Amino acid sequence: MLIGLDPALSPDLLRALSAMGHGDVIAIVDANFPAEACARRLLRADGLSASRMLQAVLSVMPLDHMSDPAAFSMAVVGDPEAVPEAVADFQSVIDATADTPSRIDPIERFAFYEKARNAFAIL
């Protein structure tokens, strides 16, 4: 029996996180993302926000600072400098929770989709 784990971490998610290595990516997306169509491994977290899941993941897993960027988001189409509320919330979670906080870098929409398709898992 494990103690001290965030209850948002399902057994399937813990298994995926423990199998990941340097350079592996987990894409934490919202309900509007076409995850079923894109995922190699899809891990559902119904009823929990993406920010809540990011907090849970960062409670057991460090950001990979050997990857550049260590954290990324989809840039706003037509306004790549904009910071949506959800991304600002993610940045707050990273700043408060990550072992070594990192800036979230926005990437172009289709580049984001490609990274998600190639991710170890989509949550």
PDB file of N, CA and C in Angstrom:
ATOM      1  N   MET A   1       0.836  -1.177   0.000  1.00  0.00           N
ATOM      2  CA  MET A   1       0.000   0.000   0.000  1.00  0.00           C
ATOM      3  C   MET A   1       0.877   1.235   0.000  1.00  0.00           C
ATOM      4  N   LEU A   2       0.505   2.198  -0.828  1.00  0.00           N
ATOM      5  CA  LEU A   2       1.230   3.448  -0.918  1.00  0.00           C
ATOM      6  C   LEU A   2       0.532   4.507  -0.085  1.00  0.00           C
ATOM      7  N   ILE A   3       1.311   5.374   0.546  1.00  0.00           N
ATOM      8  CA  ILE A   3       0.727   6.471   1.302  1.00  0.00           C
ATOM      9  C   ILE A   3       1.313   7.785   0.788  1.00  0.00           C
ATOM     10  N   GLY A   4       0.592   8.862   1.024  1.00  0.00           N
ATOM     11  CA  GLY A   4       1.094  10.176   0.680  1.00  0.00           C
ATOM     12  C   GLY A   4       0.938  10.564  -0.778  1.00  0.00           C
ATOM     13  N   LEU A   5       0.256   9.728  -1.566  1.00  0.00           N
ATOM     14  CA  LEU A   5       0.062  10.055  -2.971  1.00  0.00           C
ATOM     15  C   LEU A   5      -1.191  10.897  -3.151  1.00  0.00           C
ATOM     16  N   ASP A   6      -1.126  11.810  -4.090  1.00  0.00           N
ATOM     17  CA  ASP A   6      -2.282  12.610  -4.449  1.00  0.00           C
ATOM     18  C   ASP A   6      -3.370  11.678  -4.962  1.00  0.00           C
ATOM     19  N   PRO A   7      -4.593  11.765  -4.452  1.00  0.00           N
ATOM     20  CA  PRO A   7      -5.659  10.858  -4.888  1.00  0.00           C
ATOM     21  C   PRO A   7      -6.054  11.027  -6.353  1.00  0.00           C
ATOM     22  N   ALA A   8      -5.628  12.095  -7.001  1.00  0.00           N
ATOM     23  CA  ALA A   8      -5.911  12.268  -8.433  1.00  0.00           C
ATOM     24  C   ALA A   8      -5.041  11.351  -9.290  1.00  0.00           C
ATOM     25  N   LEU A   9      -4.012  10.767  -8.708  1.00  0.00           N
ATOM     26  CA  LEU A   9      -3.103   9.888  -9.442  1.00  0.00           C
ATOM     27  C   LEU A   9      -3.677   8.473  -9.484  1.00  0.00           C
ATOM     28  N   SER A  10      -4.262   8.120 -10.604  1.00  0.00           N
ATOM     29  CA  SER A  10      -4.838   6.785 -10.759  1.00  0.00           C
ATOM     30  C   SER A  10      -3.724   5.755 -10.922  1.00  0.00           C
ATOM     31  N   PRO A  11      -4.036   4.482 -10.707  1.00  0.00           N
ATOM     32  CA  PRO A  11      -3.018   3.442 -10.937  1.00  0.00           C
ATOM     33  C   PRO A  11      -2.458   3.472 -12.363  1.00  0.00           C
ATOM     34  N   ASP A  12      -3.320   3.687 -13.353  1.00  0.00           N
ATOM     35  CA  ASP A  12      -2.841   3.742 -14.737  1.00  0.00           C
ATOM     36  C   ASP A  12      -1.915   4.928 -14.957  1.00  0.00           C
ATOM     37  N   LEU A  13      -2.243   6.072 -14.383  1.00  0.00           N
ATOM     38  CA  LEU A  13      -1.381   7.242 -14.523  1.00  0.00           C
ATOM     39  C   LEU A  13      -0.051   7.010 -13.812  1.00  0.00           C
ATOM     40  N   LEU A  14      -0.073   6.459 -12.612  1.00  0.00           N
ATOM     41  CA  LEU A  14       1.181   6.178 -11.895  1.00  0.00           C
ATOM     42  C   LEU A  14       2.063   5.210 -12.684  1.00  0.00           C
ATOM     43  N   ARG A  15       1.450   4.214 -13.291  1.00  0.00           N
ATOM     44  CA  ARG A  15       2.227   3.271 -14.091  1.00  0.00           C
ATOM     45  C   ARG A  15       2.866   3.981 -15.273  1.00  0.00           C
ATOM     46  N   ALA A  16       2.115   4.823 -15.960  1.00  0.00           N
ATOM     47  CA  ALA A  16       2.664   5.554 -17.109  1.00  0.00           C
ATOM     48  C   ALA A  16       3.798   6.479 -16.669  1.00  0.00           C
ATOM     49  N   LEU A  17       3.598   7.214 -15.592  1.00  0.00           N
ATOM     50  CA  LEU A  17       4.644   8.129 -15.120  1.00  0.00           C
ATOM     51  C   LEU A  17       5.907   7.377 -14.732  1.00  0.00           C
ATOM     52  N   SER A  18       5.744   6.211 -14.109  1.00  0.00           N
ATOM     53  CA  SER A  18       6.926   5.450 -13.695  1.00  0.00           C
ATOM     54  C   SER A  18       7.664   4.843 -14.886  1.00  0.00           C
ATOM     55  N   ALA A  19       6.978   4.667 -16.001  1.00  0.00           N
ATOM     56  CA  ALA A  19       7.604   4.100 -17.199  1.00  0.00           C
ATOM     57  C   ALA A  19       8.295   5.165 -18.050  1.00  0.00           C
ATOM     58  N   MET A  20       8.007   6.435 -17.800  1.00  0.00           N
ATOM     59  CA  MET A  20       8.577   7.504 -18.615  1.00  0.00           C
ATOM     60  C   MET A  20      10.040   7.728 -18.268  1.00  0.00           C
ATOM     61  N   GLY A  21      10.799   8.175 -19.260  1.00  0.00           N
ATOM     62  CA  GLY A  21      12.211   8.479 -19.061  1.00  0.00           C
ATOM     63  C   GLY A  21      12.548   9.854 -19.602  1.00  0.00           C
ATOM     64  N   HIS A  22      13.832  10.182 -19.595  1.00  0.00           N
ATOM     65  CA  HIS A  22      14.288  11.475 -20.098  1.00  0.00           C
ATOM     66  C   HIS A  22      13.797  11.693 -21.521  1.00  0.00           C
ATOM     67  N   GLY A  23      13.249  12.867 -21.769  1.00  0.00           N
ATOM     68  CA  GLY A  23      12.778  13.214 -23.102  1.00  0.00           C
ATOM     69  C   GLY A  23      11.358  12.785 -23.399  1.00  0.00           C
ATOM     70  N   ASP A  24      10.778  11.912 -22.565  1.00  0.00           N
ATOM     71  CA  ASP A  24       9.383  11.531 -22.768  1.00  0.00           C
ATOM     72  C   ASP A  24       8.475  12.681 -22.372  1.00  0.00           C
ATOM     73  N   VAL A  25       7.365  12.797 -23.067  1.00  0.00           N
ATOM     74  CA  VAL A  25       6.421  13.894 -22.871  1.00  0.00           C
ATOM     75  C   VAL A  25       5.074  13.328 -22.445  1.00  0.00           C
ATOM     76  N   ILE A  26       4.451  13.989 -21.474  1.00  0.00           N
ATOM     77  CA  ILE A  26       3.052  13.728 -21.174  1.00  0.00           C
ATOM     78  C   ILE A  26       2.309  15.018 -21.505  1.00  0.00           C
ATOM     79  N   ALA A  27       1.292  14.919 -22.314  1.00  0.00           N
ATOM     80  CA  ALA A  27       0.497  16.078 -22.703  1.00  0.00           C
ATOM     81  C   ALA A  27      -0.730  16.121 -21.802  1.00  0.00           C
ATOM     82  N   ILE A  28      -0.849  17.180 -21.026  1.00  0.00           N
ATOM     83  CA  ILE A  28      -2.015  17.372 -20.168  1.00  0.00           C
ATOM     84  C   ILE A  28      -2.912  18.351 -20.897  1.00  0.00           C
ATOM     85  N   VAL A  29      -4.065  17.871 -21.327  1.00  0.00           N
ATOM     86  CA  VAL A  29      -4.939  18.654 -22.206  1.00  0.00           C
ATOM     87  C   VAL A  29      -6.325  18.804 -21.587  1.00  0.00           C
ATOM     88  N   ASP A  30      -7.095  19.734 -22.149  1.00  0.00           N
ATOM     89  CA  ASP A  30      -8.459  19.920 -21.666  1.00  0.00           C
ATOM     90  C   ASP A  30      -9.428  19.041 -22.449  1.00  0.00           C
ATOM     91  N   ALA A  31     -10.682  19.099 -22.078  1.00  0.00           N
ATOM     92  CA  ALA A  31     -11.701  18.231 -22.673  1.00  0.00           C
ATOM     93  C   ALA A  31     -11.972  18.541 -24.135  1.00  0.00           C
ATOM     94  N   ASN A  32     -11.551  19.694 -24.628  1.00  0.00           N
ATOM     95  CA  ASN A  32     -11.780  20.058 -26.026  1.00  0.00           C
ATOM     96  C   ASN A  32     -10.701  19.532 -26.966  1.00  0.00           C
ATOM     97  N   PHE A  33      -9.613  19.023 -26.424  1.00  0.00           N
ATOM     98  CA  PHE A  33      -8.533  18.512 -27.259  1.00  0.00           C
ATOM     99  C   PHE A  33      -8.936  17.156 -27.844  1.00  0.00           C
ATOM    100  N   PRO A  34      -8.625  16.892 -29.113  1.00  0.00           N
ATOM    101  CA  PRO A  34      -9.012  15.607 -29.738  1.00  0.00           C
ATOM    102  C   PRO A  34      -8.106  14.450 -29.287  1.00  0.00           C
ATOM    103  N   ALA A  35      -8.114  14.188 -27.999  1.00  0.00           N
ATOM    104  CA  ALA A  35      -7.195  13.202 -27.423  1.00  0.00           C
ATOM    105  C   ALA A  35      -7.427  11.789 -27.949  1.00  0.00           C
ATOM    106  N   GLU A  36      -8.674  11.391 -28.097  1.00  0.00           N
ATOM    107  CA  GLU A  36      -8.968  10.034 -28.596  1.00  0.00           C
ATOM    108  C   GLU A  36      -8.330   9.809 -29.959  1.00  0.00           C
ATOM    109  N   ALA A  37      -8.332  10.823 -30.799  1.00  0.00           N
ATOM    110  CA  ALA A  37      -7.788  10.702 -32.151  1.00  0.00           C
ATOM    111  C   ALA A  37      -6.268  10.801 -32.177  1.00  0.00           C
ATOM    112  N   CYS A  38      -5.684  11.418 -31.167  1.00  0.00           N
ATOM    113  CA  CYS A  38      -4.245  11.701 -31.201  1.00  0.00           C
ATOM    114  C   CYS A  38      -3.388  10.771 -30.339  1.00  0.00           C
ATOM    115  N   ALA A  39      -3.940  10.219 -29.294  1.00  0.00           N
ATOM    116  CA  ALA A  39      -3.129   9.574 -28.259  1.00  0.00           C
ATOM    117  C   ALA A  39      -2.604   8.200 -28.646  1.00  0.00           C
ATOM    118  N   ARG A  40      -1.334   7.972 -28.344  1.00  0.00           N
ATOM    119  CA  ARG A  40      -0.774   6.620 -28.345  1.00  0.00           C
ATOM    120  C   ARG A  40      -1.257   5.897 -27.090  1.00  0.00           C
ATOM    121  N   ARG A  41      -1.243   6.626 -25.968  1.00  0.00           N
ATOM    122  CA  ARG A  41      -1.785   6.149 -24.698  1.00  0.00           C
ATOM    123  C   ARG A  41      -2.665   7.265 -24.164  1.00  0.00           C
ATOM    124  N   LEU A  42      -3.912   6.976 -23.913  1.00  0.00           N
ATOM    125  CA  LEU A  42      -4.829   7.973 -23.376  1.00  0.00           C
ATOM    126  C   LEU A  42      -5.149   7.615 -21.935  1.00  0.00           C
ATOM    127  N   LEU A  43      -4.938   8.560 -21.054  1.00  0.00           N
ATOM    128  CA  LEU A  43      -5.243   8.394 -19.638  1.00  0.00           C
ATOM    129  C   LEU A  43      -6.306   9.417 -19.288  1.00  0.00           C
ATOM    130  N   ARG A  44      -7.476   8.957 -18.923  1.00  0.00           N
ATOM    131  CA  ARG A  44      -8.596   9.863 -18.647  1.00  0.00           C
ATOM    132  C   ARG A  44      -8.564  10.296 -17.182  1.00  0.00           C
ATOM    133  N   ALA A  45      -9.033  11.505 -16.960  1.00  0.00           N
ATOM    134  CA  ALA A  45      -9.163  12.048 -15.605  1.00  0.00           C
ATOM    135  C   ALA A  45     -10.478  12.825 -15.549  1.00  0.00           C
ATOM    136  N   ASP A  46     -11.543  12.134 -15.865  1.00  0.00           N
ATOM    137  CA  ASP A  46     -12.860  12.766 -15.936  1.00  0.00           C
ATOM    138  C   ASP A  46     -13.204  13.460 -14.617  1.00  0.00           C
ATOM    139  N   GLY A  47     -13.714  14.683 -14.751  1.00  0.00           N
ATOM    140  CA  GLY A  47     -14.149  15.437 -13.584  1.00  0.00           C
ATOM    141  C   GLY A  47     -13.053  16.235 -12.908  1.00  0.00           C
ATOM    142  N   LEU A  48     -11.816  16.097 -13.372  1.00  0.00           N
ATOM    143  CA  LEU A  48     -10.704  16.838 -12.788  1.00  0.00           C
ATOM    144  C   LEU A  48     -10.145  17.800 -13.825  1.00  0.00           C
ATOM    145  N   SER A  49      -9.798  18.992 -13.405  1.00  0.00           N
ATOM    146  CA  SER A  49      -9.275  19.979 -14.343  1.00  0.00           C
ATOM    147  C   SER A  49      -7.844  19.636 -14.747  1.00  0.00           C
ATOM    148  N   ALA A  50      -7.440  20.181 -15.863  1.00  0.00           N
ATOM    149  CA  ALA A  50      -6.061  19.987 -16.335  1.00  0.00           C
ATOM    150  C   ALA A  50      -5.074  20.544 -15.320  1.00  0.00           C
ATOM    151  N   SER A  51      -5.395  21.685 -14.715  1.00  0.00           N
ATOM    152  CA  SER A  51      -4.491  22.262 -13.705  1.00  0.00           C
ATOM    153  C   SER A  51      -4.360  21.358 -12.491  1.00  0.00           C
ATOM    154  N   ARG A  52      -5.471  20.759 -12.087  1.00  0.00           N
ATOM    155  CA  ARG A  52      -5.437  19.823 -10.951  1.00  0.00           C
ATOM    156  C   ARG A  52      -4.569  18.619 -11.282  1.00  0.00           C
ATOM    157  N   MET A  53      -4.674  18.142 -12.519  1.00  0.00           N
ATOM    158  CA  MET A  53      -3.864  16.993 -12.917  1.00  0.00           C
ATOM    159  C   MET A  53      -2.390  17.368 -13.006  1.00  0.00           C
ATOM    160  N   LEU A  54      -2.088  18.566 -13.488  1.00  0.00           N
ATOM    161  CA  LEU A  54      -0.695  19.019 -13.514  1.00  0.00           C
ATOM    162  C   LEU A  54      -0.126  19.038 -12.110  1.00  0.00           C
ATOM    163  N   GLN A  55      -0.888  19.551 -11.162  1.00  0.00           N
ATOM    164  CA  GLN A  55      -0.431  19.586  -9.774  1.00  0.00           C
ATOM    165  C   GLN A  55      -0.153  18.172  -9.262  1.00  0.00           C
ATOM    166  N   ALA A  56      -1.033  17.240  -9.562  1.00  0.00           N
ATOM    167  CA  ALA A  56      -0.852  15.854  -9.117  1.00  0.00           C
ATOM    168  C   ALA A  56       0.395  15.240  -9.754  1.00  0.00           C
ATOM    169  N   VAL A  57       0.563  15.432 -11.055  1.00  0.00           N
ATOM    170  CA  VAL A  57       1.732  14.868 -11.751  1.00  0.00           C
ATOM    171  C   VAL A  57       3.022  15.448 -11.177  1.00  0.00           C
ATOM    172  N   LEU A  58       3.062  16.759 -10.984  1.00  0.00           N
ATOM    173  CA  LEU A  58       4.282  17.381 -10.470  1.00  0.00           C
ATOM    174  C   LEU A  58       4.579  17.013  -9.022  1.00  0.00           C
ATOM    175  N   SER A  59       3.591  16.450  -8.312  1.00  0.00           N
ATOM    176  CA  SER A  59       3.837  16.014  -6.933  1.00  0.00           C
ATOM    177  C   SER A  59       4.709  14.766  -6.880  1.00  0.00           C
ATOM    178  N   VAL A  60       4.811  14.048  -8.012  1.00  0.00           N
ATOM    179  CA  VAL A  60       5.607  12.813  -8.029  1.00  0.00           C
ATOM    180  C   VAL A  60       6.659  12.778  -9.134  1.00  0.00           C
ATOM    181  N   MET A  61       6.650  13.767 -10.027  1.00  0.00           N
ATOM    182  CA  MET A  61       7.539  13.711 -11.189  1.00  0.00           C
ATOM    183  C   MET A  61       8.153  15.076 -11.453  1.00  0.00           C
ATOM    184  N   PRO A  62       9.471  15.127 -11.621  1.00  0.00           N
ATOM    185  CA  PRO A  62      10.094  16.419 -11.941  1.00  0.00           C
ATOM    186  C   PRO A  62       9.919  16.769 -13.413  1.00  0.00           C
ATOM    187  N   LEU A  63      10.016  18.060 -13.703  1.00  0.00           N
ATOM    188  CA  LEU A  63      10.097  18.481 -15.100  1.00  0.00           C
ATOM    189  C   LEU A  63      11.447  18.050 -15.647  1.00  0.00           C
ATOM    190  N   ASP A  64      11.495  17.671 -16.892  1.00  0.00           N
ATOM    191  CA  ASP A  64      12.747  17.254 -17.523  1.00  0.00           C
ATOM    192  C   ASP A  64      13.449  18.492 -18.076  1.00  0.00           C
ATOM    193  N   HIS A  65      14.403  19.000 -17.319  1.00  0.00           N
ATOM    194  CA  HIS A  65      15.088  20.225 -17.723  1.00  0.00           C
ATOM    195  C   HIS A  65      16.108  19.999 -18.825  1.00  0.00           C
ATOM    196  N   MET A  66      16.305  18.756 -19.215  1.00  0.00           N
ATOM    197  CA  MET A  66      17.169  18.469 -20.360  1.00  0.00           C
ATOM    198  C   MET A  66      16.400  18.647 -21.667  1.00  0.00           C
ATOM    199  N   SER A  67      15.067  18.728 -21.560  1.00  0.00           N
ATOM    200  CA  SER A  67      14.224  18.966 -22.731  1.00  0.00           C
ATOM    201  C   SER A  67      13.995  20.467 -22.867  1.00  0.00           C
ATOM    202  N   ASP A  68      13.964  20.925 -24.087  1.00  0.00           N
ATOM    203  CA  ASP A  68      13.737  22.340 -24.322  1.00  0.00           C
ATOM    204  C   ASP A  68      12.572  22.511 -25.283  1.00  0.00           C
ATOM    205  N   PRO A  69      11.477  23.028 -24.853  1.00  0.00           N
ATOM    206  CA  PRO A  69      11.200  23.519 -23.504  1.00  0.00           C
ATOM    207  C   PRO A  69      10.792  22.387 -22.561  1.00  0.00           C
ATOM    208  N   ALA A  70      10.932  22.631 -21.260  1.00  0.00           N
ATOM    209  CA  ALA A  70      10.508  21.634 -20.271  1.00  0.00           C
ATOM    210  C   ALA A  70       8.990  21.609 -20.155  1.00  0.00           C
ATOM    211  N   ALA A  71       8.342  22.725 -20.482  1.00  0.00           N
ATOM    212  CA  ALA A  71       6.880  22.819 -20.466  1.00  0.00           C
ATOM    213  C   ALA A  71       6.457  23.680 -21.646  1.00  0.00           C
ATOM    214  N   PHE A  72       5.386  23.280 -22.296  1.00  0.00           N
ATOM    215  CA  PHE A  72       4.921  24.031 -23.462  1.00  0.00           C
ATOM    216  C   PHE A  72       3.402  24.027 -23.500  1.00  0.00           C
ATOM    217  N   SER A  73       2.853  24.997 -24.218  1.00  0.00           N
ATOM    218  CA  SER A  73       1.407  25.095 -24.405  1.00  0.00           C
ATOM    219  C   SER A  73       1.139  25.450 -25.854  1.00  0.00           C
ATOM    220  N   MET A  74      -0.111  25.295 -26.246  1.00  0.00           N
ATOM    221  CA  MET A  74      -0.503  25.700 -27.588  1.00  0.00           C
ATOM    222  C   MET A  74      -0.647  27.222 -27.593  1.00  0.00           C
ATOM    223  N   ALA A  75       0.012  27.865 -28.538  1.00  0.00           N
ATOM    224  CA  ALA A  75      -0.107  29.320 -28.678  1.00  0.00           C
ATOM    225  C   ALA A  75      -1.494  29.673 -29.185  1.00  0.00           C
ATOM    226  N   VAL A  76      -1.954  30.845 -28.798  1.00  0.00           N
ATOM    227  CA  VAL A  76      -3.241  31.343 -29.275  1.00  0.00           C
ATOM    228  C   VAL A  76      -3.111  31.653 -30.765  1.00  0.00           C
ATOM    229  N   VAL A  77      -3.994  31.078 -31.554  1.00  0.00           N
ATOM    230  CA  VAL A  77      -3.974  31.301 -32.997  1.00  0.00           C
ATOM    231  C   VAL A  77      -4.238  32.789 -33.264  1.00  0.00           C
ATOM    232  N   GLY A  78      -3.353  33.415 -34.026  1.00  0.00           N
ATOM    233  CA  GLY A  78      -3.513  34.818 -34.367  1.00  0.00           C
ATOM    234  C   GLY A  78      -2.951  35.781 -33.338  1.00  0.00           C
ATOM    235  N   ASP A  79      -2.584  35.288 -32.154  1.00  0.00           N
ATOM    236  CA  ASP A  79      -2.016  36.136 -31.106  1.00  0.00           C
ATOM    237  C   ASP A  79      -1.068  35.306 -30.241  1.00  0.00           C
ATOM    238  N   PRO A  80       0.069  34.896 -30.802  1.00  0.00           N
ATOM    239  CA  PRO A  80       0.968  33.991 -30.089  1.00  0.00           C
ATOM    240  C   PRO A  80       1.561  34.547 -28.795  1.00  0.00           C
ATOM    241  N   GLU A  81       1.463  35.860 -28.592  1.00  0.00           N
ATOM    242  CA  GLU A  81       1.977  36.463 -27.352  1.00  0.00           C
ATOM    243  C   GLU A  81       0.947  36.424 -26.216  1.00  0.00           C
ATOM    244  N   ALA A  82      -0.307  36.139 -26.548  1.00  0.00           N
ATOM    245  CA  ALA A  82      -1.366  36.104 -25.526  1.00  0.00           C
ATOM    246  C   ALA A  82      -1.127  34.946 -24.562  1.00  0.00           C
ATOM    247  N   VAL A  83      -1.504  35.164 -23.313  1.00  0.00           N
ATOM    248  CA  VAL A  83      -1.400  34.118 -22.295  1.00  0.00           C
ATOM    249  C   VAL A  83      -2.816  33.843 -21.787  1.00  0.00           C
ATOM    250  N   PRO A  84      -3.431  32.765 -22.286  1.00  0.00           N
ATOM    251  CA  PRO A  84      -4.790  32.433 -21.826  1.00  0.00           C
ATOM    252  C   PRO A  84      -4.807  32.148 -20.325  1.00  0.00           C
ATOM    253  N   GLU A  85      -5.963  32.311 -19.722  1.00  0.00           N
ATOM    254  CA  GLU A  85      -6.109  32.080 -18.286  1.00  0.00           C
ATOM    255  C   GLU A  85      -5.648  30.681 -17.883  1.00  0.00           C
ATOM    256  N   ALA A  86      -5.974  29.685 -18.691  1.00  0.00           N
ATOM    257  CA  ALA A  86      -5.575  28.306 -18.370  1.00  0.00           C
ATOM    258  C   ALA A  86      -4.057  28.162 -18.339  1.00  0.00           C
ATOM    259  N   VAL A  87      -3.366  28.819 -19.256  1.00  0.00           N
ATOM    260  CA  VAL A  87      -1.898  28.745 -19.289  1.00  0.00           C
ATOM    261  C   VAL A  87      -1.305  29.493 -18.095  1.00  0.00           C
ATOM    262  N   ALA A  88      -1.883  30.632 -17.752  1.00  0.00           N
ATOM    263  CA  ALA A  88      -1.429  31.363 -16.567  1.00  0.00           C
ATOM    264  C   ALA A  88      -1.619  30.511 -15.317  1.00  0.00           C
ATOM    265  N   ASP A  89      -2.722  29.772 -15.253  1.00  0.00           N
ATOM    266  CA  ASP A  89      -2.973  28.877 -14.124  1.00  0.00           C
ATOM    267  C   ASP A  89      -1.937  27.755 -14.093  1.00  0.00           C
ATOM    268  N   PHE A  90      -1.641  27.166 -15.256  1.00  0.00           N
ATOM    269  CA  PHE A  90      -0.595  26.143 -15.340  1.00  0.00           C
ATOM    270  C   PHE A  90       0.738  26.705 -14.845  1.00  0.00           C
ATOM    271  N   GLN A  91       1.067  27.944 -15.258  1.00  0.00           N
ATOM    272  CA  GLN A  91       2.331  28.537 -14.837  1.00  0.00           C
ATOM    273  C   GLN A  91       2.377  28.696 -13.325  1.00  0.00           C
ATOM    274  N   SER A  92       1.252  29.083 -12.730  1.00  0.00           N
ATOM    275  CA  SER A  92       1.183  29.199 -11.268  1.00  0.00           C
ATOM    276  C   SER A  92       1.413  27.855 -10.585  1.00  0.00           C
ATOM    277  N   VAL A  93       0.825  26.799 -11.153  1.00  0.00           N
ATOM    278  CA  VAL A  93       1.023  25.462 -10.596  1.00  0.00           C
ATOM    279  C   VAL A  93       2.492  25.059 -10.704  1.00  0.00           C
ATOM    280  N   ILE A  94       3.096  25.292 -11.853  1.00  0.00           N
ATOM    281  CA  ILE A  94       4.516  24.960 -12.037  1.00  0.00           C
ATOM    282  C   ILE A  94       5.370  25.744 -11.049  1.00  0.00           C
ATOM    283  N   ASP A  95       5.120  27.040 -10.917  1.00  0.00           N
ATOM    284  CA  ASP A  95       5.903  27.878 -10.016  1.00  0.00           C
ATOM    285  C   ASP A  95       5.800  27.396  -8.573  1.00  0.00           C
ATOM    286  N   ALA A  96       4.612  26.918  -8.178  1.00  0.00           N
ATOM    287  CA  ALA A  96       4.388  26.495  -6.799  1.00  0.00           C
ATOM    288  C   ALA A  96       4.777  25.050  -6.520  1.00  0.00           C
ATOM    289  N   THR A  97       4.792  24.203  -7.545  1.00  0.00           N
ATOM    290  CA  THR A  97       4.892  22.763  -7.321  1.00  0.00           C
ATOM    291  C   THR A  97       6.137  22.115  -7.901  1.00  0.00           C
ATOM    292  N   ALA A  98       6.606  22.579  -9.048  1.00  0.00           N
ATOM    293  CA  ALA A  98       7.707  21.902  -9.743  1.00  0.00           C
ATOM    294  C   ALA A  98       8.991  21.941  -8.932  1.00  0.00           C
ATOM    295  N   ASP A  99       9.806  20.914  -9.107  1.00  0.00           N
ATOM    296  CA  ASP A  99      11.091  20.845  -8.416  1.00  0.00           C
ATOM    297  C   ASP A  99      11.967  22.041  -8.774  1.00  0.00           C
ATOM    298  N   THR A 100      11.997  22.397 -10.033  1.00  0.00           N
ATOM    299  CA  THR A 100      12.673  23.588 -10.514  1.00  0.00           C
ATOM    300  C   THR A 100      11.727  24.264 -11.492  1.00  0.00           C
ATOM    301  N   PRO A 101      11.078  25.346 -11.063  1.00  0.00           N
ATOM    302  CA  PRO A 101      10.106  25.985 -11.953  1.00  0.00           C
ATOM    303  C   PRO A 101      10.691  26.331 -13.320  1.00  0.00           C
ATOM    304  N   SER A 102       9.846  26.253 -14.310  1.00  0.00           N
ATOM    305  CA  SER A 102      10.227  26.491 -15.690  1.00  0.00           C
ATOM    306  C   SER A 102       9.160  27.344 -16.350  1.00  0.00           C
ATOM    307  N   ARG A 103       9.570  28.144 -17.303  1.00  0.00           N
ATOM    308  CA  ARG A 103       8.630  28.955 -18.073  1.00  0.00           C
ATOM    309  C   ARG A 103       7.917  28.060 -19.084  1.00  0.00           C
ATOM    310  N   ILE A 104       6.622  28.278 -19.266  1.00  0.00           N
ATOM    311  CA  ILE A 104       5.866  27.568 -20.292  1.00  0.00           C
ATOM    312  C   ILE A 104       6.076  28.300 -21.604  1.00  0.00           C
ATOM    313  N   ASP A 105       6.569  27.593 -22.601  1.00  0.00           N
ATOM    314  CA  ASP A 105       6.787  28.181 -23.918  1.00  0.00           C
ATOM    315  C   ASP A 105       5.606  27.858 -24.828  1.00  0.00           C
ATOM    316  N   PRO A 106       5.008  28.873 -25.440  1.00  0.00           N
ATOM    317  CA  PRO A 106       3.930  28.600 -26.391  1.00  0.00           C
ATOM    318  C   PRO A 106       4.506  28.107 -27.717  1.00  0.00           C
ATOM    319  N   ILE A 107       3.842  27.113 -28.301  1.00  0.00           N
ATOM    320  CA  ILE A 107       4.236  26.635 -29.623  1.00  0.00           C
ATOM    321  C   ILE A 107       3.017  26.671 -30.542  1.00  0.00           C
ATOM    322  N   GLU A 108       3.263  26.779 -31.805  1.00  0.00           N
ATOM    323  CA  GLU A 108       2.214  26.884 -32.811  1.00  0.00           C
ATOM    324  C   GLU A 108       1.252  25.691 -32.704  1.00  0.00           C
ATOM    325  N   ARG A 109      -0.015  25.931 -33.037  1.00  0.00           N
ATOM    326  CA  ARG A 109      -1.082  24.947 -32.864  1.00  0.00           C
ATOM    327  C   ARG A 109      -0.753  23.575 -33.453  1.00  0.00           C
ATOM    328  N   PHE A 110      -0.348  23.530 -34.714  1.00  0.00           N
ATOM    329  CA  PHE A 110      -0.099  22.236 -35.345  1.00  0.00           C
ATOM    330  C   PHE A 110       1.171  21.589 -34.824  1.00  0.00           C
ATOM    331  N   ALA A 111       2.131  22.377 -34.375  1.00  0.00           N
ATOM    332  CA  ALA A 111       3.321  21.828 -33.716  1.00  0.00           C
ATOM    333  C   ALA A 111       2.920  21.197 -32.374  1.00  0.00           C
ATOM    334  N   PHE A 112       1.962  21.840 -31.678  1.00  0.00           N
ATOM    335  CA  PHE A 112       1.452  21.276 -30.429  1.00  0.00           C
ATOM    336  C   PHE A 112       0.771  19.940 -30.690  1.00  0.00           C
ATOM    337  N   TYR A 113      -0.081  19.894 -31.715  1.00  0.00           N
ATOM    338  CA  TYR A 113      -0.751  18.636 -32.050  1.00  0.00           C
ATOM    339  C   TYR A 113       0.267  17.538 -32.357  1.00  0.00           C
ATOM    340  N   GLU A 114       1.299  17.870 -33.091  1.00  0.00           N
ATOM    341  CA  GLU A 114       2.328  16.883 -33.436  1.00  0.00           C
ATOM    342  C   GLU A 114       3.049  16.390 -32.188  1.00  0.00           C
ATOM    343  N   LYS A 115       3.404  17.304 -31.285  1.00  0.00           N
ATOM    344  CA  LYS A 115       4.060  16.893 -30.035  1.00  0.00           C
ATOM    345  C   LYS A 115       3.129  15.998 -29.218  1.00  0.00           C
ATOM    346  N   ALA A 116       1.844  16.336 -29.194  1.00  0.00           N
ATOM    347  CA  ALA A 116       0.885  15.512 -28.444  1.00  0.00           C
ATOM    348  C   ALA A 116       0.763  14.122 -29.066  1.00  0.00           C
ATOM    349  N   ARG A 117       0.717  14.053 -30.398  1.00  0.00           N
ATOM    350  CA  ARG A 117       0.636  12.745 -31.072  1.00  0.00           C
ATOM    351  C   ARG A 117       1.845  11.866 -30.743  1.00  0.00           C
ATOM    352  N   ASN A 118       2.993  12.500 -30.579  1.00  0.00           N
ATOM    353  CA  ASN A 118       4.217  11.767 -30.287  1.00  0.00           C
ATOM    354  C   ASN A 118       4.490  11.611 -28.794  1.00  0.00           C
ATOM    355  N   ALA A 119       3.606  12.139 -27.963  1.00  0.00           N
ATOM    356  CA  ALA A 119       3.804  12.077 -26.520  1.00  0.00           C
ATOM    357  C   ALA A 119       3.712  10.638 -26.020  1.00  0.00           C
ATOM    358  N   PHE A 120       4.395  10.370 -24.937  1.00  0.00           N
ATOM    359  CA  PHE A 120       4.303   9.072 -24.284  1.00  0.00           C
ATOM    360  C   PHE A 120       2.862   8.781 -23.913  1.00  0.00           C
ATOM    361  N   ALA A 121       2.175   9.820 -23.427  1.00  0.00           N
ATOM    362  CA  ALA A 121       0.761   9.687 -23.058  1.00  0.00           C
ATOM    363  C   ALA A 121       0.090  11.042 -23.122  1.00  0.00           C
ATOM    364  N   ILE A 122      -1.222  11.011 -23.317  1.00  0.00           N
ATOM    365  CA  ILE A 122      -2.048  12.203 -23.225  1.00  0.00           C
ATOM    366  C   ILE A 122      -2.979  12.002 -22.038  1.00  0.00           C
ATOM    367  N   LEU A 123      -3.019  12.988 -21.167  1.00  0.00           N
ATOM    368  CA  LEU A 123      -3.846  12.949 -19.975  1.00  0.00           C
ATOM    369  C   LEU A 123      -4.936  13.985 -20.129  1.00  0.00           C
TER     370      LEU A 123
END
